[in-house]
mmCIF file of all heavy atoms, coordinates in Angstrom:
data_MODEL
# 
_entry.id   MODEL 
# 
loop_
_atom_site.group_PDB 
_atom_site.id 
_atom_site.type_symbol 
_atom_site.label_atom_id 
_atom_site.label_alt_id 
_atom_site.label_comp_id 
_atom_site.label_asym_id 
_atom_site.label_entity_id 
_atom_site.label_seq_id 
_atom_site.pdbx_PDB_ins_code 
_atom_site.Cartn_x 
_atom_site.Cartn_y 
_atom_site.Cartn_z 
_atom_site.occupancy 
_atom_site.B_iso_or_equiv 
_atom_site.pdbx_formal_charge 
_atom_site.auth_seq_id 
_atom_site.auth_comp_id 
_atom_site.auth_asym_id 
_atom_site.auth_atom_id 
_atom_site.pdbx_PDB_model_num 
ATOM 1   N N   . VAL A 1 1  ? 88.022  89.702  86.453  1.00 0.00 ? 1  VAL A N   1 
ATOM 2   C CA  . VAL A 1 1  ? 88.592  88.372  86.166  1.00 0.00 ? 1  VAL A CA  1 
ATOM 3   C C   . VAL A 1 1  ? 88.714  88.187  84.635  1.00 0.00 ? 1  VAL A C   1 
ATOM 4   O O   . VAL A 1 1  ? 87.730  88.283  83.909  1.00 0.00 ? 1  VAL A O   1 
ATOM 5   C CB  . VAL A 1 1  ? 87.678  87.243  86.719  1.00 0.00 ? 1  VAL A CB  1 
ATOM 6   C CG1 . VAL A 1 1  ? 88.199  85.912  86.438  1.00 0.00 ? 1  VAL A CG1 1 
ATOM 7   C CG2 . VAL A 1 1  ? 87.518  87.472  88.272  1.00 0.00 ? 1  VAL A CG2 1 
ATOM 8   N N   . PRO A 1 2  ? 89.888  87.851  84.187  1.00 0.00 ? 2  PRO A N   1 
ATOM 9   C CA  . PRO A 1 2  ? 90.059  87.629  82.722  1.00 0.00 ? 2  PRO A CA  1 
ATOM 10  C C   . PRO A 1 2  ? 89.420  86.339  82.324  1.00 0.00 ? 2  PRO A C   1 
ATOM 11  O O   . PRO A 1 2  ? 89.202  85.437  83.093  1.00 0.00 ? 2  PRO A O   1 
ATOM 12  C CB  . PRO A 1 2  ? 91.608  87.624  82.539  1.00 0.00 ? 2  PRO A CB  1 
ATOM 13  C CG  . PRO A 1 2  ? 92.109  87.232  83.910  1.00 0.00 ? 2  PRO A CG  1 
ATOM 14  C CD  . PRO A 1 2  ? 91.157  87.781  84.940  1.00 0.00 ? 2  PRO A CD  1 
ATOM 15  N N   . ALA A 1 3  ? 89.181  86.216  81.001  1.00 0.00 ? 3  ALA A N   1 
ATOM 16  C CA  . ALA A 1 3  ? 88.613  85.047  80.449  1.00 0.00 ? 3  ALA A CA  1 
ATOM 17  C C   . ALA A 1 3  ? 89.587  83.883  80.456  1.00 0.00 ? 3  ALA A C   1 
ATOM 18  O O   . ALA A 1 3  ? 90.839  84.030  80.489  1.00 0.00 ? 3  ALA A O   1 
ATOM 19  C CB  . ALA A 1 3  ? 88.159  85.266  78.955  1.00 0.00 ? 3  ALA A CB  1 
ATOM 20  N N   . GLY A 1 4  ? 89.069  82.677  80.634  1.00 0.00 ? 4  GLY A N   1 
ATOM 21  C CA  . GLY A 1 4  ? 89.858  81.435  80.506  1.00 0.00 ? 4  GLY A CA  1 
ATOM 22  C C   . GLY A 1 4  ? 90.578  81.067  81.816  1.00 0.00 ? 4  GLY A C   1 
ATOM 23  O O   . GLY A 1 4  ? 91.462  80.207  81.746  1.00 0.00 ? 4  GLY A O   1 
ATOM 24  N N   . VAL A 1 5  ? 90.258  81.659  82.951  1.00 0.00 ? 5  VAL A N   1 
ATOM 25  C CA  . VAL A 1 5  ? 90.884  81.289  84.175  1.00 0.00 ? 5  VAL A CA  1 
ATOM 26  C C   . VAL A 1 5  ? 89.804  80.676  85.157  1.00 0.00 ? 5  VAL A C   1 
ATOM 27  O O   . VAL A 1 5  ? 88.630  81.047  85.048  1.00 0.00 ? 5  VAL A O   1 
ATOM 28  C CB  . VAL A 1 5  ? 91.636  82.414  84.924  1.00 0.00 ? 5  VAL A CB  1 
ATOM 29  C CG1 . VAL A 1 5  ? 92.719  82.979  83.985  1.00 0.00 ? 5  VAL A CG1 1 
ATOM 30  C CG2 . VAL A 1 5  ? 90.685  83.503  85.329  1.00 0.00 ? 5  VAL A CG2 1 
ATOM 31  N N   . SER A 1 6  ? 90.244  79.833  86.043  1.00 0.00 ? 6  SER A N   1 
ATOM 32  C CA  . SER A 1 6  ? 89.296  79.199  86.919  1.00 0.00 ? 6  SER A CA  1 
ATOM 33  C C   . SER A 1 6  ? 89.464  79.629  88.403  1.00 0.00 ? 6  SER A C   1 
ATOM 34  O O   . SER A 1 6  ? 88.705  79.210  89.254  1.00 0.00 ? 6  SER A O   1 
ATOM 35  C CB  . SER A 1 6  ? 89.422  77.657  86.885  1.00 0.00 ? 6  SER A CB  1 
ATOM 36  O OG  . SER A 1 6  ? 90.744  77.278  87.258  1.00 0.00 ? 6  SER A OG  1 
ATOM 37  N N   . ALA A 1 7  ? 90.478  80.470  88.624  1.00 0.00 ? 7  ALA A N   1 
ATOM 38  C CA  . ALA A 1 7  ? 90.755  80.951  90.009  1.00 0.00 ? 7  ALA A CA  1 
ATOM 39  C C   . ALA A 1 7  ? 91.589  82.234  89.951  1.00 0.00 ? 7  ALA A C   1 
ATOM 40  O O   . ALA A 1 7  ? 92.318  82.470  88.962  1.00 0.00 ? 7  ALA A O   1 
ATOM 41  C CB  . ALA A 1 7  ? 91.416  79.844  90.802  1.00 0.00 ? 7  ALA A CB  1 
ATOM 42  N N   . VAL A 1 8  ? 91.469  82.962  91.002  1.00 0.00 ? 8  VAL A N   1 
ATOM 43  C CA  . VAL A 1 8  ? 92.396  84.090  91.268  1.00 0.00 ? 8  VAL A CA  1 
ATOM 44  C C   . VAL A 1 8  ? 93.207  83.720  92.494  1.00 0.00 ? 8  VAL A C   1 
ATOM 45  O O   . VAL A 1 8  ? 92.693  83.159  93.432  1.00 0.00 ? 8  VAL A O   1 
ATOM 46  C CB  . VAL A 1 8  ? 91.686  85.438  91.387  1.00 0.00 ? 8  VAL A CB  1 
ATOM 47  C CG1 . VAL A 1 8  ? 90.977  85.810  90.090  1.00 0.00 ? 8  VAL A CG1 1 
ATOM 48  C CG2 . VAL A 1 8  ? 90.649  85.448  92.527  1.00 0.00 ? 8  VAL A CG2 1 
ATOM 49  N N   . ASP A 1 9  ? 94.450  84.161  92.473  1.00 0.00 ? 9  ASP A N   1 
ATOM 50  C CA  . ASP A 1 9  ? 95.411  83.905  93.577  1.00 0.00 ? 9  ASP A CA  1 
ATOM 51  C C   . ASP A 1 9  ? 95.819  85.211  94.213  1.00 0.00 ? 9  ASP A C   1 
ATOM 52  O O   . ASP A 1 9  ? 96.129  86.207  93.552  1.00 0.00 ? 9  ASP A O   1 
ATOM 53  C CB  . ASP A 1 9  ? 96.668  83.215  93.011  1.00 0.00 ? 9  ASP A CB  1 
ATOM 54  C CG  . ASP A 1 9  ? 96.372  81.809  92.429  1.00 0.00 ? 9  ASP A CG  1 
ATOM 55  O OD1 . ASP A 1 9  ? 95.799  81.006  93.188  1.00 0.00 ? 9  ASP A OD1 1 
ATOM 56  O OD2 . ASP A 1 9  ? 96.652  81.612  91.272  1.00 0.00 ? 9  ASP A OD2 1 
ATOM 57  N N   . LEU A 1 10 ? 95.744  85.230  95.548  1.00 0.00 ? 10 LEU A N   1 
ATOM 58  C CA  . LEU A 1 10 ? 96.026  86.417  96.360  1.00 0.00 ? 10 LEU A CA  1 
ATOM 59  C C   . LEU A 1 10 ? 97.250  86.160  97.166  1.00 0.00 ? 10 LEU A C   1 
ATOM 60  O O   . LEU A 1 10 ? 97.494  85.079  97.684  1.00 0.00 ? 10 LEU A O   1 
ATOM 61  C CB  . LEU A 1 10 ? 94.871  86.763  97.284  1.00 0.00 ? 10 LEU A CB  1 
ATOM 62  C CG  . LEU A 1 10 ? 93.567  87.395  96.708  1.00 0.00 ? 10 LEU A CG  1 
ATOM 63  C CD1 . LEU A 1 10 ? 92.876  86.526  95.729  1.00 0.00 ? 10 LEU A CD1 1 
ATOM 64  C CD2 . LEU A 1 10 ? 92.682  87.766  97.893  1.00 0.00 ? 10 LEU A CD2 1 
ATOM 65  N N   . GLU A 1 11 ? 98.041  87.186  97.378  1.00 0.00 ? 11 GLU A N   1 
ATOM 66  C CA  . GLU A 1 11 ? 99.111  87.238  98.353  1.00 0.00 ? 11 GLU A CA  1 
ATOM 67  C C   . GLU A 1 11 ? 99.070  88.573  99.060  1.00 0.00 ? 11 GLU A C   1 
ATOM 68  O O   . GLU A 1 11 ? 98.826  89.611  98.492  1.00 0.00 ? 11 GLU A O   1 
ATOM 69  C CB  . GLU A 1 11 ? 100.496 87.078  97.669  1.00 0.00 ? 11 GLU A CB  1 
ATOM 70  C CG  . GLU A 1 11 ? 100.801 85.708  97.140  1.00 0.00 ? 11 GLU A CG  1 
ATOM 71  C CD  . GLU A 1 11 ? 102.244 85.552  96.742  1.00 0.00 ? 11 GLU A CD  1 
ATOM 72  O OE1 . GLU A 1 11 ? 103.097 86.259  97.355  1.00 0.00 ? 11 GLU A OE1 1 
ATOM 73  O OE2 . GLU A 1 11 ? 102.528 84.737  95.802  1.00 0.00 ? 11 GLU A OE2 1 
ATOM 74  N N   . PHE A 1 12 ? 99.194  88.477  100.391 1.00 0.00 ? 12 PHE A N   1 
ATOM 75  C CA  . PHE A 1 12 ? 99.325  89.698  101.212 1.00 0.00 ? 12 PHE A CA  1 
ATOM 76  C C   . PHE A 1 12 ? 99.938  89.354  102.548 1.00 0.00 ? 12 PHE A C   1 
ATOM 77  O O   . PHE A 1 12 ? 100.153 88.171  102.875 1.00 0.00 ? 12 PHE A O   1 
ATOM 78  C CB  . PHE A 1 12 ? 97.946  90.381  101.377 1.00 0.00 ? 12 PHE A CB  1 
ATOM 79  C CG  . PHE A 1 12 ? 96.909  89.558  102.105 1.00 0.00 ? 12 PHE A CG  1 
ATOM 80  C CD1 . PHE A 1 12 ? 96.778  89.681  103.513 1.00 0.00 ? 12 PHE A CD1 1 
ATOM 81  C CD2 . PHE A 1 12 ? 96.004  88.723  101.429 1.00 0.00 ? 12 PHE A CD2 1 
ATOM 82  C CE1 . PHE A 1 12 ? 95.787  88.962  104.180 1.00 0.00 ? 12 PHE A CE1 1 
ATOM 83  C CE2 . PHE A 1 12 ? 95.090  87.984  102.095 1.00 0.00 ? 12 PHE A CE2 1 
ATOM 84  C CZ  . PHE A 1 12 ? 94.909  88.121  103.465 1.00 0.00 ? 12 PHE A CZ  1 
ATOM 85  N N   . GLN A 1 13 ? 100.190 90.421  103.343 1.00 0.00 ? 13 GLN A N   1 
ATOM 86  C CA  . GLN A 1 13 ? 100.724 90.232  104.655 1.00 0.00 ? 13 GLN A CA  1 
ATOM 87  C C   . GLN A 1 13 ? 99.734  90.860  105.621 1.00 0.00 ? 13 GLN A C   1 
ATOM 88  O O   . GLN A 1 13 ? 99.136  91.900  105.313 1.00 0.00 ? 13 GLN A O   1 
ATOM 89  C CB  . GLN A 1 13 ? 102.093 90.868  104.872 1.00 0.00 ? 13 GLN A CB  1 
ATOM 90  C CG  . GLN A 1 13 ? 103.161 90.391  103.886 1.00 0.00 ? 13 GLN A CG  1 
ATOM 91  C CD  . GLN A 1 13 ? 103.077 91.086  102.496 1.00 0.00 ? 13 GLN A CD  1 
ATOM 92  O OE1 . GLN A 1 13 ? 102.963 92.303  102.483 1.00 0.00 ? 13 GLN A OE1 1 
ATOM 93  N NE2 . GLN A 1 13 ? 103.163 90.352  101.431 1.00 0.00 ? 13 GLN A NE2 1 
ATOM 94  N N   . TYR A 1 14 ? 99.656  90.231  106.829 1.00 0.00 ? 14 TYR A N   1 
ATOM 95  C CA  . TYR A 1 14 ? 98.996  90.890  107.879 1.00 0.00 ? 14 TYR A CA  1 
ATOM 96  C C   . TYR A 1 14 ? 100.084 91.339  108.871 1.00 0.00 ? 14 TYR A C   1 
ATOM 97  O O   . TYR A 1 14 ? 100.825 90.520  109.506 1.00 0.00 ? 14 TYR A O   1 
ATOM 98  C CB  . TYR A 1 14 ? 98.019  89.913  108.584 1.00 0.00 ? 14 TYR A CB  1 
ATOM 99  C CG  . TYR A 1 14 ? 97.349  90.562  109.794 1.00 0.00 ? 14 TYR A CG  1 
ATOM 100 C CD1 . TYR A 1 14 ? 96.496  91.618  109.682 1.00 0.00 ? 14 TYR A CD1 1 
ATOM 101 C CD2 . TYR A 1 14 ? 97.652  90.077  111.105 1.00 0.00 ? 14 TYR A CD2 1 
ATOM 102 C CE1 . TYR A 1 14 ? 95.928  92.225  110.790 1.00 0.00 ? 14 TYR A CE1 1 
ATOM 103 C CE2 . TYR A 1 14 ? 97.078  90.679  112.212 1.00 0.00 ? 14 TYR A CE2 1 
ATOM 104 C CZ  . TYR A 1 14 ? 96.212  91.760  112.041 1.00 0.00 ? 14 TYR A CZ  1 
ATOM 105 O OH  . TYR A 1 14 ? 95.660  92.363  113.135 1.00 0.00 ? 14 TYR A OH  1 
ATOM 106 N N   . LEU A 1 15 ? 100.211 92.665  109.028 1.00 0.00 ? 15 LEU A N   1 
ATOM 107 C CA  . LEU A 1 15 ? 101.263 93.191  109.825 1.00 0.00 ? 15 LEU A CA  1 
ATOM 108 C C   . LEU A 1 15 ? 100.779 93.427  111.235 1.00 0.00 ? 15 LEU A C   1 
ATOM 109 O O   . LEU A 1 15 ? 100.290 94.481  111.608 1.00 0.00 ? 15 LEU A O   1 
ATOM 110 C CB  . LEU A 1 15 ? 101.745 94.577  109.199 1.00 0.00 ? 15 LEU A CB  1 
ATOM 111 C CG  . LEU A 1 15 ? 102.108 94.501  107.713 1.00 0.00 ? 15 LEU A CG  1 
ATOM 112 C CD1 . LEU A 1 15 ? 102.450 95.884  107.219 1.00 0.00 ? 15 LEU A CD1 1 
ATOM 113 C CD2 . LEU A 1 15 ? 103.172 93.545  107.412 1.00 0.00 ? 15 LEU A CD2 1 
ATOM 114 N N   . SER A 1 16 ? 100.894 92.381  112.010 1.00 0.00 ? 16 SER A N   1 
ATOM 115 C CA  . SER A 1 16 ? 100.317 92.375  113.368 1.00 0.00 ? 16 SER A CA  1 
ATOM 116 C C   . SER A 1 16 ? 101.090 93.417  114.228 1.00 0.00 ? 16 SER A C   1 
ATOM 117 O O   . SER A 1 16 ? 102.244 93.708  113.959 1.00 0.00 ? 16 SER A O   1 
ATOM 118 C CB  . SER A 1 16 ? 100.322 91.047  114.023 1.00 0.00 ? 16 SER A CB  1 
ATOM 119 O OG  . SER A 1 16 ? 101.584 90.753  114.569 1.00 0.00 ? 16 SER A OG  1 
ATOM 120 N N   . PRO A 1 17 ? 100.447 93.984  115.229 1.00 0.00 ? 17 PRO A N   1 
ATOM 121 C CA  . PRO A 1 17 ? 101.108 95.048  116.023 1.00 0.00 ? 17 PRO A CA  1 
ATOM 122 C C   . PRO A 1 17 ? 102.425 94.568  116.652 1.00 0.00 ? 17 PRO A C   1 
ATOM 123 O O   . PRO A 1 17 ? 102.510 93.393  117.137 1.00 0.00 ? 17 PRO A O   1 
ATOM 124 C CB  . PRO A 1 17 ? 100.048 95.368  117.136 1.00 0.00 ? 17 PRO A CB  1 
ATOM 125 C CG  . PRO A 1 17 ? 98.737  94.998  116.479 1.00 0.00 ? 17 PRO A CG  1 
ATOM 126 C CD  . PRO A 1 17 ? 99.031  93.816  115.603 1.00 0.00 ? 17 PRO A CD  1 
ATOM 127 N N   . THR A 1 18 ? 103.410 95.447  116.641 1.00 0.00 ? 18 THR A N   1 
ATOM 128 C CA  . THR A 1 18 ? 104.680 95.136  117.284 1.00 0.00 ? 18 THR A CA  1 
ATOM 129 C C   . THR A 1 18 ? 104.836 95.961  118.590 1.00 0.00 ? 18 THR A C   1 
ATOM 130 O O   . THR A 1 18 ? 105.729 95.758  119.309 1.00 0.00 ? 18 THR A O   1 
ATOM 131 C CB  . THR A 1 18 ? 105.839 95.496  116.367 1.00 0.00 ? 18 THR A CB  1 
ATOM 132 O OG1 . THR A 1 18 ? 105.707 96.926  115.971 1.00 0.00 ? 18 THR A OG1 1 
ATOM 133 C CG2 . THR A 1 18 ? 105.820 94.655  115.104 1.00 0.00 ? 18 THR A CG2 1 
ATOM 134 N N   . ASP A 1 19 ? 103.824 96.802  118.844 1.00 0.00 ? 19 ASP A N   1 
ATOM 135 C CA  . ASP A 1 19 ? 103.812 97.589  120.015 1.00 0.00 ? 19 ASP A CA  1 
ATOM 136 C C   . ASP A 1 19 ? 102.331 97.759  120.460 1.00 0.00 ? 19 ASP A C   1 
ATOM 137 O O   . ASP A 1 19 ? 101.396 97.865  119.663 1.00 0.00 ? 19 ASP A O   1 
ATOM 138 C CB  . ASP A 1 19 ? 104.413 99.009  119.736 1.00 0.00 ? 19 ASP A CB  1 
ATOM 139 C CG  . ASP A 1 19 ? 104.464 99.852  120.996 1.00 0.00 ? 19 ASP A CG  1 
ATOM 140 O OD1 . ASP A 1 19 ? 103.468 100.557 121.281 1.00 0.00 ? 19 ASP A OD1 1 
ATOM 141 O OD2 . ASP A 1 19 ? 105.536 99.896  121.641 1.00 0.00 ? 19 ASP A OD2 1 
ATOM 142 N N   . ALA A 1 20 ? 102.108 97.738  121.766 1.00 0.00 ? 20 ALA A N   1 
ATOM 143 C CA  . ALA A 1 20 ? 100.767 97.780  122.252 1.00 0.00 ? 20 ALA A CA  1 
ATOM 144 C C   . ALA A 1 20 ? 100.034 99.063  121.866 1.00 0.00 ? 20 ALA A C   1 
ATOM 145 O O   . ALA A 1 20 ? 98.785  99.044  121.765 1.00 0.00 ? 20 ALA A O   1 
ATOM 146 C CB  . ALA A 1 20 ? 100.725 97.685  123.795 1.00 0.00 ? 20 ALA A CB  1 
ATOM 147 N N   . ASP A 1 21 ? 100.732 100.124 121.538 1.00 0.00 ? 21 ASP A N   1 
ATOM 148 C CA  . ASP A 1 21 ? 100.065 101.380 121.071 1.00 0.00 ? 21 ASP A CA  1 
ATOM 149 C C   . ASP A 1 21 ? 99.448  101.147 119.670 1.00 0.00 ? 21 ASP A C   1 
ATOM 150 O O   . ASP A 1 21 ? 98.588  101.921 119.302 1.00 0.00 ? 21 ASP A O   1 
ATOM 151 C CB  . ASP A 1 21 ? 101.053 102.570 121.016 1.00 0.00 ? 21 ASP A CB  1 
ATOM 152 C CG  . ASP A 1 21 ? 101.501 102.975 122.381 1.00 0.00 ? 21 ASP A CG  1 
ATOM 153 O OD1 . ASP A 1 21 ? 100.730 102.711 123.343 1.00 0.00 ? 21 ASP A OD1 1 
ATOM 154 O OD2 . ASP A 1 21 ? 102.541 103.567 122.509 1.00 0.00 ? 21 ASP A OD2 1 
ATOM 155 N N   . GLN A 1 22 ? 99.863  100.159 118.947 1.00 0.00 ? 22 GLN A N   1 
ATOM 156 C CA  . GLN A 1 22 ? 99.332  99.883  117.627 1.00 0.00 ? 22 GLN A CA  1 
ATOM 157 C C   . GLN A 1 22 ? 98.107  98.980  117.677 1.00 0.00 ? 22 GLN A C   1 
ATOM 158 O O   . GLN A 1 22 ? 97.486  98.731  116.681 1.00 0.00 ? 22 GLN A O   1 
ATOM 159 C CB  . GLN A 1 22 ? 100.433 99.214  116.751 1.00 0.00 ? 22 GLN A CB  1 
ATOM 160 C CG  . GLN A 1 22 ? 101.655 100.052 116.569 1.00 0.00 ? 22 GLN A CG  1 
ATOM 161 C CD  . GLN A 1 22 ? 102.820 99.241  115.944 1.00 0.00 ? 22 GLN A CD  1 
ATOM 162 O OE1 . GLN A 1 22 ? 102.641 98.033  115.610 1.00 0.00 ? 22 GLN A OE1 1 
ATOM 163 N NE2 . GLN A 1 22 ? 103.980 99.874  115.764 1.00 0.00 ? 22 GLN A NE2 1 
ATOM 164 N N   . GLY A 1 23 ? 97.858  98.393  118.843 1.00 0.00 ? 23 GLY A N   1 
ATOM 165 C CA  . GLY A 1 23 ? 96.763  97.434  118.974 1.00 0.00 ? 23 GLY A CA  1 
ATOM 166 C C   . GLY A 1 23 ? 97.226  96.259  119.795 1.00 0.00 ? 23 GLY A C   1 
ATOM 167 O O   . GLY A 1 23 ? 98.325  96.202  120.327 1.00 0.00 ? 23 GLY A O   1 
ATOM 168 N N   . ARG A 1 24 ? 96.333  95.277  119.965 1.00 0.00 ? 24 ARG A N   1 
ATOM 169 C CA  . ARG A 1 24 ? 96.639  94.124  120.784 1.00 0.00 ? 24 ARG A CA  1 
ATOM 170 C C   . ARG A 1 24 ? 97.791  93.303  120.159 1.00 0.00 ? 24 ARG A C   1 
ATOM 171 O O   . ARG A 1 24 ? 97.743  92.950  118.976 1.00 0.00 ? 24 ARG A O   1 
ATOM 172 C CB  . ARG A 1 24 ? 95.350  93.277  120.956 1.00 0.00 ? 24 ARG A CB  1 
ATOM 173 C CG  . ARG A 1 24 ? 95.609  92.017  121.727 1.00 0.00 ? 24 ARG A CG  1 
ATOM 174 C CD  . ARG A 1 24 ? 94.286  91.265  121.941 1.00 0.00 ? 24 ARG A CD  1 
ATOM 175 N NE  . ARG A 1 24 ? 94.609  89.864  122.415 1.00 0.00 ? 24 ARG A NE  1 
ATOM 176 C CZ  . ARG A 1 24 ? 94.655  88.844  121.665 1.00 0.00 ? 24 ARG A CZ  1 
ATOM 177 N NH1 . ARG A 1 24 ? 94.322  88.885  120.354 1.00 0.00 ? 24 ARG A NH1 1 
ATOM 178 N NH2 . ARG A 1 24 ? 94.932  87.666  122.164 1.00 0.00 ? 24 ARG A NH2 1 
ATOM 179 N N   . ILE A 1 25 ? 98.798  92.929  120.947 1.00 0.00 ? 25 ILE A N   1 
ATOM 180 C CA  . ILE A 1 25 ? 99.861  92.058  120.561 1.00 0.00 ? 25 ILE A CA  1 
ATOM 181 C C   . ILE A 1 25 ? 99.287  90.626  120.414 1.00 0.00 ? 25 ILE A C   1 
ATOM 182 O O   . ILE A 1 25 ? 98.715  90.113  121.293 1.00 0.00 ? 25 ILE A O   1 
ATOM 183 C CB  . ILE A 1 25 ? 101.010 92.087  121.551 1.00 0.00 ? 25 ILE A CB  1 
ATOM 184 C CG1 . ILE A 1 25 ? 101.578 93.499  121.747 1.00 0.00 ? 25 ILE A CG1 1 
ATOM 185 C CG2 . ILE A 1 25 ? 102.099 91.081  121.113 1.00 0.00 ? 25 ILE A CG2 1 
ATOM 186 C CD1 . ILE A 1 25 ? 102.250 94.023  120.472 1.00 0.00 ? 25 ILE A CD1 1 
# 
């Protein structure tokens, strides 16, 4: 964390399964 900041901001995606072979839909 750099000096002088009060928060960090995150962005990401959760790529949920599109096929049952990849996990629960």
